[in-house]
Protein backbone atom coordinates (compact mmCIF):
# COMPACT_ATOMS: atom_id res chain seq x y z
CA MET A 1 -2.80 -14.68 9.27
CA LEU A 2 -4.26 -15.06 5.76
CA SER A 3 -5.87 -18.39 6.57
CA ARG A 4 -7.92 -16.66 9.29
CA CYS A 5 -9.39 -14.17 6.81
CA ILE A 6 -10.35 -16.29 3.79
CA ALA A 7 -12.45 -19.41 3.26
CA THR A 8 -10.15 -20.90 0.64
CA ASP A 9 -6.47 -21.75 0.23
CA ALA A 10 -3.85 -19.06 -0.28
CA ARG A 11 -3.12 -20.04 -3.90
CA THR A 12 -6.78 -19.85 -4.95
CA PHE A 13 -7.14 -16.50 -3.22
CA ALA A 14 -4.01 -15.15 -4.94
CA ASP A 15 -5.07 -16.38 -8.39
CA GLU A 16 -8.78 -15.59 -8.32
CA TYR A 17 -9.44 -12.83 -5.79
CA TRP A 18 -6.38 -10.72 -4.93
CA GLY A 19 -6.87 -7.33 -6.55
CA ARG A 20 -9.72 -8.71 -8.68
CA LYS A 21 -12.97 -9.17 -6.77
CA PRO A 22 -14.48 -9.31 -3.27
CA MET A 23 -14.55 -12.50 -1.23
CA LEU A 24 -17.07 -13.20 1.51
CA SER A 25 -16.00 -15.81 4.08
CA ARG A 26 -18.48 -17.04 6.67
CA ALA A 27 -17.51 -17.96 10.22
CA ASP A 28 -18.37 -21.63 9.73
CA ALA A 29 -15.73 -21.82 6.99
CA LEU A 30 -13.02 -20.01 8.95
CA PRO A 31 -10.85 -21.61 11.62
CA ARG A 32 -12.00 -19.37 14.49
CA ASP A 33 -13.51 -16.04 15.50
CA PHE A 34 -11.60 -12.81 16.06
CA SER A 35 -12.22 -12.20 19.76
CA ASP A 36 -8.57 -12.94 20.55
CA LEU A 37 -7.59 -9.89 18.48
CA LEU A 38 -10.14 -7.43 19.85
CA SER A 39 -13.29 -7.40 21.99
CA PRO A 40 -15.73 -4.84 23.40
CA GLU A 41 -13.82 -5.06 26.69
CA THR A 42 -10.60 -4.28 24.84
CA VAL A 43 -12.21 -1.24 23.21
CA ASP A 44 -13.30 0.08 26.61
CA GLU A 45 -9.84 -0.53 28.03
CA LEU A 46 -8.12 1.30 25.17
CA ILE A 47 -10.45 4.28 25.44
CA ALA A 48 -10.68 4.54 29.23
CA GLU A 49 -7.36 3.31 30.56
CA ARG A 50 -4.62 3.22 27.92
CA GLY A 51 -4.10 6.92 27.34
CA VAL A 52 -4.96 6.80 23.65
CA ARG A 53 -4.21 10.08 21.90
CA ALA A 54 -5.08 11.59 18.53
CA PRO A 55 -4.56 10.68 15.76
CA PHE A 56 -4.99 7.12 17.04
CA ILE A 57 -8.70 7.86 17.47
CA ARG A 58 -11.34 9.72 15.48
CA LEU A 59 -15.15 9.82 15.46
CA ALA A 60 -17.50 9.98 12.48
CA ARG A 61 -21.24 10.22 11.98
CA GLU A 62 -23.24 9.86 8.75
CA GLY A 63 -20.25 10.60 6.55
CA ASP A 64 -18.77 13.46 8.56
CA VAL A 65 -15.62 13.26 10.68
CA LEU A 66 -16.30 15.02 13.99
CA PRO A 67 -14.11 17.87 15.29
CA ARG A 68 -11.48 16.68 17.76
CA ASP A 69 -12.74 18.83 20.61
CA CYS A 70 -15.86 16.64 20.63
CA TYR A 71 -13.90 13.76 22.14
CA LEU A 72 -10.44 14.97 23.21
CA GLY A 73 -9.15 16.93 26.18
CA PRO A 74 -6.37 17.13 28.80
CA ALA A 75 -6.09 14.32 31.34
CA GLY A 76 -5.26 16.27 34.48
CA PHE A 77 -2.13 16.72 36.56
CA GLY A 78 0.90 15.04 35.03
CA ALA A 79 -0.86 14.38 31.71
CA GLU A 80 -1.91 17.80 30.49
CA MET A 81 -1.52 16.97 26.78
CA PRO A 82 -4.73 18.21 25.13
CA ASP A 83 -4.94 15.46 22.49
CA GLN A 84 -5.89 12.63 24.85
CA VAL A 85 -9.24 10.85 24.83
CA ASP A 86 -11.93 12.17 27.13
CA SER A 87 -13.90 8.97 27.71
CA ALA A 88 -17.00 10.85 28.91
CA LYS A 89 -17.07 12.87 25.68
CA VAL A 90 -16.65 9.67 23.68
CA LEU A 91 -19.61 8.14 25.51
CA SER A 92 -21.73 11.17 24.71
CA GLN A 93 -20.91 11.08 21.00
CA PHE A 94 -21.22 7.31 20.74
CA SER A 95 -24.65 7.36 22.38
CA SER A 96 -25.66 9.97 19.80
CA GLY A 97 -24.75 7.68 16.90
CA ALA A 98 -21.06 8.39 16.23
CA THR A 99 -18.74 5.62 15.07
CA ILE A 100 -15.49 5.29 17.01
CA VAL A 101 -12.44 4.61 14.86
CA LEU A 102 -9.34 3.32 16.66
CA GLN A 103 -6.48 3.77 14.23
CA GLY A 104 -3.09 2.13 14.02
CA LEU A 105 -3.89 -0.59 16.53
CA HIS A 106 -0.91 -2.56 15.22
CA ARG A 107 1.13 0.00 17.17
CA LEU A 108 -0.92 -0.16 20.37
CA TRP A 109 -2.39 -3.57 21.08
CA PRO A 110 -0.09 -6.63 21.43
CA PRO A 111 -2.34 -9.22 19.73
CA LEU A 112 -2.61 -6.95 16.69
CA VAL A 113 1.11 -6.14 16.71
CA ASP A 114 1.77 -9.85 16.18
CA PHE A 115 -1.15 -10.30 13.78
CA VAL A 116 -0.03 -7.50 11.47
CA ARG A 117 3.57 -8.69 11.52
CA GLN A 118 2.30 -12.12 10.35
CA ALA A 119 0.15 -10.41 7.73
CA VAL A 120 3.18 -8.62 6.28
CA ASP A 121 4.97 -11.97 6.09
CA ASP A 122 2.01 -13.66 4.39
CA LEU A 123 1.12 -10.90 1.94
CA GLY A 124 4.46 -9.25 1.16
CA HIS A 125 2.94 -5.76 1.31
CA PRO A 126 2.68 -3.13 4.09
CA VAL A 127 -0.26 -3.75 6.43
CA GLN A 128 -2.08 -1.75 9.13
CA THR A 129 -5.18 -2.27 11.28
CA ASN A 130 -8.05 -0.04 12.44
CA ALA A 131 -11.13 -0.86 14.50
CA TYR A 132 -14.62 0.53 13.83
CA ILE A 133 -17.17 0.58 16.64
CA THR A 134 -20.64 1.60 15.44
CA PRO A 135 -23.76 1.97 17.61
CA PRO A 136 -26.99 0.17 16.57
CA GLY A 137 -28.67 1.48 13.44
CA ASN A 138 -25.88 3.89 12.53
CA ARG A 139 -23.10 4.28 9.98
CA GLY A 140 -19.94 6.29 10.13
CA PHE A 141 -19.15 6.90 6.46
CA ASP A 142 -20.93 7.41 3.14
CA HIS A 143 -20.36 5.22 0.09
CA HIS A 144 -16.71 5.46 -0.85
CA TYR A 145 -13.76 3.39 -1.97
CA ASP A 146 -10.41 2.81 -0.32
CA VAL A 147 -7.03 3.22 -1.99
CA HIS A 148 -5.79 0.08 -0.25
CA ASP A 149 -7.11 -3.49 -0.12
CA VAL A 150 -8.98 -4.41 3.06
CA PHE A 151 -9.95 -7.48 5.01
CA VAL A 152 -13.00 -6.75 7.18
CA LEU A 153 -13.10 -9.00 10.26
CA GLN A 154 -16.38 -8.87 12.18
CA VAL A 155 -15.62 -9.10 15.90
CA CYS A 156 -19.13 -8.81 17.34
CA GLY A 157 -22.59 -7.53 16.45
CA GLN A 158 -23.85 -7.36 12.88
CA LYS A 159 -23.22 -4.93 10.05
CA ARG A 160 -24.83 -4.75 6.64
CA TRP A 161 -22.37 -4.21 3.80
CA ILE A 162 -23.39 -2.94 0.37
CA VAL A 163 -20.66 -3.25 -2.27
CA HIS A 164 -20.64 -1.90 -5.84
CA GLU A 165 -18.14 -2.30 -8.66
CA PRO A 166 -15.36 0.29 -8.97
CA VAL A 167 -15.78 3.60 -10.72
CA HIS A 168 -11.98 3.85 -10.92
CA ASP A 169 -10.05 0.58 -11.07
CA HIS A 170 -7.01 0.02 -8.85
CA PRO A 171 -6.79 3.58 -7.47
CA LEU A 172 -3.46 4.83 -6.23
CA PRO A 173 -3.05 6.76 -2.94
CA SER A 174 -3.06 9.96 -5.02
CA GLN A 175 -6.48 9.07 -6.45
CA PRO A 176 -8.96 9.18 -3.50
CA TRP A 177 -12.69 8.58 -3.83
CA THR A 178 -13.39 12.29 -3.40
CA GLN A 179 -12.18 12.77 -6.98
CA HIS A 180 -15.09 10.61 -8.17
CA ARG A 181 -18.03 11.71 -6.02
CA SER A 182 -20.48 12.07 -8.91
CA ALA A 183 -19.52 8.72 -10.44
CA ILE A 184 -19.99 7.03 -7.07
CA ALA A 185 -23.37 8.72 -6.57
CA ASP A 186 -24.43 7.35 -9.95
CA ARG A 187 -22.99 3.88 -9.35
CA ILE A 188 -24.86 3.28 -6.09
CA THR A 189 -28.22 3.82 -7.81
CA GLY A 190 -27.64 0.50 -9.56
CA GLU A 191 -27.71 -3.09 -8.33
CA PRO A 192 -24.90 -3.89 -5.87
CA VAL A 193 -22.47 -6.73 -6.40
CA LEU A 194 -22.87 -7.69 -2.76
CA ASP A 195 -25.53 -6.89 -0.17
CA THR A 196 -24.87 -8.96 2.91
CA VAL A 197 -24.76 -8.95 6.70
CA LEU A 198 -21.54 -9.76 8.51
CA SER A 199 -21.93 -11.48 11.87
CA ALA A 200 -19.29 -12.33 14.46
CA GLY A 201 -16.54 -14.41 12.86
CA ASP A 202 -17.39 -13.46 9.26
CA ALA A 203 -14.79 -11.83 7.01
CA LEU A 204 -14.95 -9.83 3.80
CA TYR A 205 -12.10 -9.04 1.41
CA LEU A 206 -12.46 -5.90 -0.73
CA PRO A 207 -9.85 -4.94 -3.33
CA ARG A 208 -9.03 -1.25 -3.49
CA GLY A 209 -11.47 0.75 -5.55
CA TRP A 210 -14.63 -1.24 -4.79
CA VAL A 211 -17.35 1.14 -3.64
CA HIS A 212 -18.93 0.28 -0.29
CA ALA A 213 -20.88 1.46 2.74
CA ALA A 214 -21.89 -0.31 5.94
CA VAL A 215 -24.50 0.18 8.65
CA ALA A 216 -24.78 -1.50 12.05
CA LEU A 217 -27.98 -3.44 12.69
CA ASP A 218 -29.71 -4.03 16.03
CA THR A 219 -26.64 -4.20 18.27
CA THR A 220 -23.30 -2.44 18.53
CA SER A 221 -20.96 -3.57 15.75
CA VAL A 222 -17.23 -3.96 16.25
CA HIS A 223 -15.05 -4.88 13.29
CA LEU A 224 -11.39 -4.75 12.36
CA THR A 225 -10.23 -3.44 9.02
CA VAL A 226 -6.88 -4.86 7.96
CA GLY A 227 -5.56 -2.49 5.31
CA VAL A 228 -3.01 -3.64 2.74
CA SER A 229 -1.05 -0.96 0.89
CA ALA A 230 -0.12 -2.88 -2.24
CA LEU A 231 3.06 -2.13 -4.13
CA THR A 232 2.21 -1.56 -7.80
CA GLY A 233 3.73 -1.29 -11.23
CA VAL A 234 3.74 2.48 -10.75
CA ASP A 235 6.05 1.99 -7.76
CA VAL A 236 8.37 -0.03 -9.99
CA ALA A 237 8.25 2.66 -12.70
CA ARG A 238 9.07 5.41 -10.20
CA ALA A 239 11.99 3.41 -8.86
CA VAL A 240 13.31 2.86 -12.39
CA VAL A 241 12.94 6.56 -13.25
CA ASP A 242 14.91 7.40 -10.11
CA GLN A 243 17.67 5.13 -11.38
CA LEU A 244 17.68 6.98 -14.71
CA ALA A 245 18.75 10.07 -12.78
CA GLY A 246 22.15 8.38 -12.65
CA VAL A 247 22.37 8.40 -16.46
CA ARG A 248 24.02 11.55 -17.81
CA THR A 249 21.76 11.81 -20.87
CA PHE A 250 18.63 12.26 -18.79
CA ARG A 251 20.16 14.98 -16.65
CA GLU A 252 20.81 17.16 -19.66
CA SER A 253 18.58 20.17 -20.33
CA LEU A 254 16.07 20.04 -23.13
CA PRO A 255 16.92 22.28 -26.13
CA LEU A 256 16.48 26.03 -25.91
CA GLY A 257 13.77 27.74 -27.86
CA SER A 258 11.12 25.05 -27.56
CA ASP A 259 7.53 26.18 -27.17
CA PRO A 260 5.75 24.23 -24.38
CA THR A 261 2.43 25.63 -25.61
CA ASP A 262 2.93 23.94 -29.01
CA ARG A 263 1.42 20.48 -28.43
CA ASP A 264 3.01 18.87 -31.49
CA GLU A 265 6.45 20.22 -30.61
CA THR A 266 6.09 19.03 -27.00
CA ILE A 267 4.96 15.56 -28.10
CA ALA A 268 8.00 15.31 -30.37
CA ALA A 269 10.35 16.25 -27.52
CA VAL A 270 8.69 13.78 -25.13
CA THR A 271 8.76 11.03 -27.74
CA LYS A 272 12.49 11.55 -28.26
CA VAL A 273 13.26 11.32 -24.56
CA MET A 274 11.04 8.26 -24.15
CA ALA A 275 12.87 6.55 -27.01
CA GLN A 276 16.16 7.24 -25.24
CA MET A 277 14.69 5.81 -22.03
CA VAL A 278 13.55 2.65 -23.79
CA GLU A 279 17.03 2.23 -25.25
CA SER A 280 18.62 2.73 -21.84
CA LEU A 281 16.19 0.29 -20.21
CA ARG A 282 17.09 -2.31 -22.84
CA ASP A 283 20.86 -1.82 -22.72
CA ASP A 284 21.24 -1.30 -18.96
CA ALA A 285 18.35 -3.44 -17.74
CA SER A 286 20.41 -5.42 -15.24
CA THR A 287 21.92 -2.38 -13.53
CA LEU A 288 18.68 -0.39 -13.52
CA SER A 289 16.69 -3.36 -12.23
CA ALA A 290 19.08 -3.93 -9.36
CA GLY A 291 18.94 -0.29 -8.32
CA ALA A 292 15.15 -0.16 -8.60
CA ALA A 293 14.80 -3.37 -6.57
CA ALA A 294 16.97 -1.90 -3.82
CA GLN A 295 14.84 1.27 -3.79
CA LEU A 296 11.61 -0.74 -3.57
CA SER A 297 13.09 -2.72 -0.69
CA ASP A 298 13.97 0.52 1.11
CA ARG A 299 10.45 1.87 0.54
CA PHE A 300 8.95 -1.33 1.92
CA ALA A 301 11.17 -1.04 5.00
CA GLU A 302 9.99 2.54 5.56
CA ARG A 303 6.34 1.45 5.54
CA THR A 304 6.60 -1.63 7.72
CA ARG A 305 7.93 -2.35 11.20
CA PRO A 306 10.07 -5.22 12.39
CA VAL A 307 9.04 -6.83 15.66
CA PRO A 308 9.28 -4.35 18.54
CA VAL A 309 12.40 -4.31 20.70
CA ARG A 310 12.19 -4.60 24.48
CA PRO A 311 14.98 -2.21 25.52
CA LEU A 312 15.52 -3.44 29.08
CA ALA A 313 15.56 -7.11 28.09
CA SER A 314 17.94 -6.41 25.20
CA LEU A 315 20.31 -4.41 27.40
CA ALA A 316 20.26 -7.12 30.08
CA ALA A 317 21.09 -9.74 27.47
CA ALA A 318 23.92 -7.56 26.12
CA GLU A 319 25.45 -7.34 29.59
CA ASP A 320 25.71 -11.14 29.61
CA ALA A 321 26.27 -11.63 25.88
CA SER A 322 28.37 -14.77 26.29
CA ALA A 323 25.33 -16.59 27.69
CA ALA A 324 22.55 -14.87 25.70
CA THR A 325 20.46 -16.75 23.15
CA VAL A 326 19.52 -14.46 20.28
CA ARG A 327 17.93 -14.36 16.87
CA TRP A 328 17.60 -11.86 14.04
CA ARG A 329 14.95 -9.21 14.72
CA HIS A 330 12.07 -10.54 12.67
CA GLY A 331 11.05 -8.26 9.82
CA LEU A 332 14.26 -6.20 9.93
CA ILE A 333 15.39 -5.79 6.32
CA ALA A 334 19.12 -5.84 5.70
CA SER A 335 21.71 -6.99 3.20
CA VAL A 336 25.07 -8.56 3.95
CA GLU A 337 27.89 -7.53 1.61
CA HIS A 338 31.56 -8.43 1.46
CA THR A 339 33.85 -5.65 0.31
CA GLY A 340 37.39 -4.48 1.02
CA GLY A 341 38.08 -7.35 3.35
CA ARG A 342 35.15 -6.36 5.57
CA VAL A 343 31.61 -7.56 6.17
CA VAL A 344 29.11 -4.75 5.58
CA LEU A 345 25.61 -4.97 7.07
CA ARG A 346 23.32 -2.46 5.35
CA LEU A 347 20.21 -1.63 7.36
CA PRO A 348 17.41 0.85 6.53
CA ASP A 349 18.81 3.52 8.84
CA LYS A 350 22.52 2.71 9.13
CA THR A 351 25.46 0.68 7.91
CA MET A 352 27.58 -1.52 10.16
CA THR A 353 30.98 -3.02 9.34
CA PHE A 354 32.72 -6.02 10.83
CA PRO A 355 35.99 -7.89 10.28
CA GLN A 356 35.87 -10.59 7.62
CA SER A 357 36.23 -13.17 10.38
CA CYS A 358 32.63 -12.36 11.38
CA SER A 359 31.28 -13.32 7.96
CA ASP A 360 29.88 -16.75 8.79
CA ALA A 361 28.44 -15.59 12.11
CA VAL A 362 26.67 -12.56 10.59
CA GLU A 363 25.31 -14.66 7.72
CA THR A 364 24.04 -17.27 10.18
CA LEU A 365 22.16 -14.70 12.22
CA HIS A 366 20.83 -12.98 9.10
CA ARG A 367 19.31 -16.29 7.97
CA GLY A 368 17.29 -16.32 11.20
CA GLN A 369 19.09 -19.07 13.06
CA VAL A 370 18.79 -18.98 16.85
CA ALA A 371 22.32 -18.86 18.26
CA GLN A 372 24.56 -18.32 21.26
CA ALA A 373 28.16 -17.16 21.48
CA GLY A 374 29.26 -20.77 21.69
CA THR A 375 27.39 -21.82 18.54
CA LEU A 376 28.17 -19.03 16.07
CA PRO A 377 30.48 -20.33 13.35
CA GLY A 378 33.92 -18.86 12.63
CA LEU A 379 34.43 -17.13 15.99
CA ASP A 380 35.61 -18.16 19.40
CA ARG A 381 33.25 -17.61 22.31
CA ALA A 382 34.79 -14.29 23.37
CA ASP A 383 34.67 -12.73 19.88
CA ALA A 384 31.15 -14.07 19.30
CA ALA A 385 30.02 -12.43 22.55
CA VAL A 386 31.42 -9.09 21.33
CA LEU A 387 29.48 -9.45 18.08
CA ILE A 388 26.25 -10.42 19.86
CA ARG A 389 26.60 -7.55 22.32
CA ARG A 390 26.94 -5.02 19.53
CA LEU A 391 24.02 -6.44 17.53
CA LEU A 392 21.81 -6.44 20.63
CA ARG A 393 22.62 -2.82 21.40
CA GLU A 394 21.92 -1.84 17.78
CA ALA A 395 18.54 -3.68 17.82
CA VAL A 396 19.61 -6.02 15.03
CA VAL A 397 19.11 -9.18 17.09
CA VAL A 398 16.82 -9.77 20.07
CA PRO A 399 16.88 -12.21 22.98
CA VAL A 400 14.74 -15.23 22.15
CA ASP A 401 12.97 -15.03 25.52
CA ALA A 402 12.22 -11.28 25.25
């Protein structure tokens, strides 16, 4: 995925651009265009025929998000839900200059489901994708910054992008651009870092915090925004603090009689606790680090999706488990532990246990090896089929042809 979005190698991008500065990549330096991911025909299909519902769509014009009743409505007998797209209303708003935003397309459109899954693998951070469709000569949003990194992939048409340096470096999700309106208004009076036009096949990387705005030129512009929600040092700190909740000292109440309005007294109390934390971090670093790492892994699992499961295909394979060819469900995070003479498979939403005899087979599948009942190590064909059947039903493995 990454190679499609940047005009350099992954190592150079990681060392010189990631989280540091924008990168403009022209179509002639990229391997291909982006029409396989989205097209104007796809946009029409999603709006008119795929039953898209809010909040997977919103409309904006000149910095204002439009009320939902401008483009939503019930879909008639058998589909009376009021949050579905009314394509005629969308046409009316679009012809009046509104930008269409199709959100969460990594949940709706198969090419982008696969693309985002690859992006998570390449980047190691949660990823999502939106599409922005802007009529000629219009813009959807004012100058702002995002609290996530973005790759802008121009699908068709042209859009002028104006980019300024951050007014707040590396903003967190709790630090949106609306907290810095006046600083942004002042910043955009100066010379931009980048003032360029993206044409079909061009790409632009913007780290979070970089101020930007974009306007479509003479034709309708369609672009994808691939958003990357980077894990940060603050995430690590929060995970470590959560581990400190297991230390008795930090669960104790602060002394009675302190005056929170006395700044010096409060600083002294905070300094004492911080010193205790530093000591605990030094003495119990290994234990605290392991717990924090596990928590970060769980948080990552909550914000990403493994490859989708095809229920009918999985159930059919489970019915004939002795002949099924399976593999680990790509992107499914789990750990394999050995305790009490059992094999324990810890998944984000459940824990599964197996006899110790299943150890080699579970480890083999967890490593991603494609297998059948007759090829799993440590089990005869009948026992291996039982294991495969259970893992298929629990959506841990999937049929390779599904």
